[in-house]
Amino acid sequence: MIMQGTLSNKTVRKAGDNLKLNQAKKDDLDTISTFRSNHVWLMKMLVKTISKKLPKPLFIARRLKRFSKRR
């Protein structure tokens, strides 16, 4: 299991490359999952900050690509 905050760009890129080549291992999938979950918090904070500064009604959408664990 990967700890939050310990991911380097190189690690994330390598995991993504392995996934594209259909050679992903459990650690690669964990790395990608952790990277994505770390960014959910940032997106929520961004929405909160923007919604305070812009007039209402305000619609903000976010979309993560689907990610299925095959192994």
N, C-alpha and C. Protein backbone atom coordinates (compact mmCIF):
# COMPACT_ATOMS: atom_id res chain seq x y z
N MET A 1 0.85 -1.18 0.00
CA MET A 1 0.00 0.00 0.00
C MET A 1 0.89 1.23 0.00
N ILE A 2 0.54 2.21 -0.81
CA ILE A 2 1.32 3.44 -0.95
C ILE A 2 0.78 4.48 0.03
N MET A 3 1.67 5.13 0.73
CA MET A 3 1.28 6.19 1.67
C MET A 3 1.02 7.47 0.89
N GLN A 4 0.05 8.26 1.35
CA GLN A 4 -0.22 9.54 0.70
C GLN A 4 0.95 10.47 0.89
N GLY A 5 1.23 11.27 -0.14
CA GLY A 5 2.29 12.25 -0.05
C GLY A 5 3.67 11.70 -0.39
N THR A 6 3.78 10.42 -0.73
CA THR A 6 5.09 9.85 -1.03
C THR A 6 5.26 9.56 -2.52
N LEU A 7 4.37 10.07 -3.34
CA LEU A 7 4.43 9.79 -4.77
C LEU A 7 5.26 10.83 -5.50
N SER A 8 6.20 10.36 -6.29
CA SER A 8 6.96 11.28 -7.14
C SER A 8 6.33 11.27 -8.54
N ASN A 9 6.62 12.31 -9.31
CA ASN A 9 6.10 12.36 -10.68
C ASN A 9 6.59 11.17 -11.49
N LYS A 10 7.83 10.77 -11.26
CA LYS A 10 8.41 9.64 -11.98
C LYS A 10 7.65 8.35 -11.68
N THR A 11 7.30 8.16 -10.42
CA THR A 11 6.57 6.96 -10.01
C THR A 11 5.19 6.91 -10.67
N VAL A 12 4.51 8.05 -10.66
CA VAL A 12 3.17 8.11 -11.25
C VAL A 12 3.24 7.89 -12.76
N ARG A 13 4.20 8.52 -13.41
CA ARG A 13 4.36 8.35 -14.86
C ARG A 13 4.66 6.90 -15.22
N LYS A 14 5.54 6.28 -14.45
CA LYS A 14 5.91 4.88 -14.71
C LYS A 14 4.70 3.96 -14.54
N ALA A 15 3.90 4.21 -13.51
CA ALA A 15 2.70 3.41 -13.29
C ALA A 15 1.72 3.60 -14.45
N GLY A 16 1.58 4.84 -14.92
CA GLY A 16 0.70 5.10 -16.06
C GLY A 16 1.19 4.43 -17.33
N ASP A 17 2.50 4.46 -17.54
CA ASP A 17 3.07 3.79 -18.72
C ASP A 17 2.82 2.28 -18.66
N ASN A 18 3.01 1.70 -17.49
CA ASN A 18 2.75 0.26 -17.33
C ASN A 18 1.29 -0.07 -17.60
N LEU A 19 0.39 0.80 -17.16
CA LEU A 19 -1.03 0.58 -17.38
C LEU A 19 -1.35 0.65 -18.88
N LYS A 20 -0.76 1.63 -19.58
CA LYS A 20 -0.98 1.75 -21.02
C LYS A 20 -0.48 0.52 -21.78
N LEU A 21 0.62 -0.04 -21.31
CA LEU A 21 1.20 -1.22 -21.96
C LEU A 21 0.54 -2.52 -21.51
N ASN A 22 -0.48 -2.38 -20.66
CA ASN A 22 -1.19 -3.54 -20.10
C ASN A 22 -0.26 -4.44 -19.30
N GLN A 23 0.71 -3.82 -18.60
CA GLN A 23 1.66 -4.55 -17.77
C GLN A 23 1.58 -4.10 -16.31
N ALA A 24 0.48 -3.48 -15.94
CA ALA A 24 0.36 -2.92 -14.60
C ALA A 24 0.28 -4.02 -13.54
N LYS A 25 1.00 -3.79 -12.47
CA LYS A 25 0.95 -4.68 -11.30
C LYS A 25 0.11 -4.00 -10.23
N LYS A 26 -0.10 -4.68 -9.13
CA LYS A 26 -0.91 -4.12 -8.04
C LYS A 26 -0.34 -2.80 -7.54
N ASP A 27 0.98 -2.71 -7.40
CA ASP A 27 1.60 -1.46 -6.93
C ASP A 27 1.33 -0.30 -7.90
N ASP A 28 1.33 -0.58 -9.19
CA ASP A 28 1.04 0.46 -10.18
C ASP A 28 -0.40 0.95 -10.02
N LEU A 29 -1.32 0.02 -9.85
CA LEU A 29 -2.72 0.39 -9.67
C LEU A 29 -2.92 1.17 -8.37
N ASP A 30 -2.23 0.76 -7.31
CA ASP A 30 -2.30 1.49 -6.04
C ASP A 30 -1.75 2.90 -6.19
N THR A 31 -0.66 3.04 -6.94
CA THR A 31 -0.05 4.35 -7.16
C THR A 31 -1.02 5.28 -7.87
N ILE A 32 -1.64 4.79 -8.93
CA ILE A 32 -2.59 5.61 -9.69
C ILE A 32 -3.80 5.96 -8.84
N SER A 33 -4.30 5.00 -8.10
CA SER A 33 -5.46 5.24 -7.24
C SER A 33 -5.14 6.29 -6.17
N THR A 34 -3.97 6.20 -5.56
CA THR A 34 -3.56 7.17 -4.54
C THR A 34 -3.40 8.55 -5.15
N PHE A 35 -2.79 8.64 -6.32
CA PHE A 35 -2.61 9.91 -7.01
C PHE A 35 -3.97 10.56 -7.27
N ARG A 36 -4.92 9.78 -7.74
CA ARG A 36 -6.25 10.31 -8.04
C ARG A 36 -6.97 10.75 -6.77
N SER A 37 -6.88 9.95 -5.72
CA SER A 37 -7.57 10.32 -4.48
C SER A 37 -6.95 11.55 -3.83
N ASN A 38 -5.65 11.76 -4.00
CA ASN A 38 -5.02 12.97 -3.49
C ASN A 38 -5.56 14.21 -4.18
N HIS A 39 -5.91 14.10 -5.45
CA HIS A 39 -6.38 15.25 -6.19
C HIS A 39 -7.86 15.56 -5.97
N VAL A 40 -8.63 14.62 -5.44
CA VAL A 40 -10.03 14.89 -5.13
C VAL A 40 -10.12 15.99 -4.09
N TRP A 41 -9.27 15.94 -3.08
CA TRP A 41 -9.27 16.97 -2.03
C TRP A 41 -8.95 18.34 -2.63
N LEU A 42 -7.97 18.40 -3.53
CA LEU A 42 -7.61 19.67 -4.16
C LEU A 42 -8.77 20.23 -4.98
N MET A 43 -9.47 19.36 -5.69
CA MET A 43 -10.62 19.80 -6.48
C MET A 43 -11.72 20.37 -5.58
N LYS A 44 -11.97 19.72 -4.46
CA LYS A 44 -13.00 20.22 -3.54
C LYS A 44 -12.63 21.58 -2.99
N MET A 45 -11.36 21.77 -2.64
CA MET A 45 -10.91 23.06 -2.12
C MET A 45 -11.01 24.15 -3.19
N LEU A 46 -10.68 23.81 -4.43
CA LEU A 46 -10.79 24.76 -5.53
C LEU A 46 -12.23 25.19 -5.74
N VAL A 47 -13.15 24.25 -5.73
CA VAL A 47 -14.57 24.57 -5.89
C VAL A 47 -15.04 25.46 -4.76
N LYS A 48 -14.64 25.15 -3.54
CA LYS A 48 -15.03 25.95 -2.38
C LYS A 48 -14.52 27.38 -2.50
N THR A 49 -13.26 27.54 -2.89
CA THR A 49 -12.67 28.87 -3.03
C THR A 49 -13.34 29.67 -4.14
N ILE A 50 -13.53 29.04 -5.28
CA ILE A 50 -14.14 29.73 -6.42
C ILE A 50 -15.59 30.10 -6.11
N SER A 51 -16.32 29.22 -5.47
CA SER A 51 -17.74 29.48 -5.21
C SER A 51 -17.94 30.66 -4.25
N LYS A 52 -16.96 30.94 -3.41
CA LYS A 52 -17.05 32.09 -2.51
C LYS A 52 -16.82 33.40 -3.25
N LYS A 53 -16.05 33.37 -4.34
CA LYS A 53 -15.64 34.59 -5.01
C LYS A 53 -16.48 34.96 -6.23
N LEU A 54 -17.21 34.01 -6.79
CA LEU A 54 -17.99 34.27 -7.99
C LEU A 54 -19.47 34.37 -7.67
N PRO A 55 -20.22 35.13 -8.49
CA PRO A 55 -21.66 35.28 -8.24
C PRO A 55 -22.41 33.97 -8.45
N LYS A 56 -23.53 33.86 -7.76
CA LYS A 56 -24.36 32.67 -7.87
C LYS A 56 -25.35 32.88 -9.00
N PRO A 57 -25.95 31.93 -9.64
CA PRO A 57 -25.68 30.50 -9.52
C PRO A 57 -24.38 30.12 -10.21
N LEU A 58 -23.74 29.14 -9.68
CA LEU A 58 -22.44 28.72 -10.18
C LEU A 58 -22.46 27.20 -10.37
N PHE A 59 -22.01 26.76 -11.53
CA PHE A 59 -21.92 25.33 -11.81
C PHE A 59 -20.48 24.99 -12.13
N ILE A 60 -19.93 24.05 -11.41
CA ILE A 60 -18.56 23.58 -11.66
C ILE A 60 -18.63 22.07 -11.80
N ALA A 61 -18.02 21.56 -12.85
CA ALA A 61 -18.04 20.12 -13.09
C ALA A 61 -16.62 19.57 -13.06
N ARG A 62 -16.50 18.35 -12.61
CA ARG A 62 -15.22 17.67 -12.67
C ARG A 62 -15.47 16.27 -13.18
N ARG A 63 -14.51 15.76 -13.88
CA ARG A 63 -14.67 14.42 -14.44
C ARG A 63 -13.34 13.69 -14.39
N LEU A 64 -13.35 12.56 -13.76
CA LEU A 64 -12.19 11.68 -13.77
C LEU A 64 -12.46 10.56 -14.76
N LYS A 65 -11.46 10.19 -15.49
CA LYS A 65 -11.62 9.08 -16.41
C LYS A 65 -11.89 7.81 -15.61
N ARG A 66 -12.64 6.93 -16.20
CA ARG A 66 -12.92 5.66 -15.52
C ARG A 66 -11.64 4.86 -15.37
N PHE A 67 -11.56 4.21 -14.25
CA PHE A 67 -10.37 3.43 -13.93
C PHE A 67 -10.82 2.13 -13.31
N SER A 68 -10.63 1.04 -14.00
CA SER A 68 -11.05 -0.25 -13.46
C SER A 68 -9.81 -1.09 -13.15
N LYS A 69 -9.86 -1.74 -12.03
CA LYS A 69 -8.76 -2.62 -11.63
C LYS A 69 -9.01 -3.98 -12.26
N ARG A 70 -8.09 -4.37 -13.09
CA ARG A 70 -8.27 -5.63 -13.83
C ARG A 70 -7.61 -6.81 -13.15
N ARG A 71 -6.79 -6.58 -12.17
CA ARG A 71 -6.05 -7.68 -11.56
C ARG A 71 -6.53 -7.95 -10.18
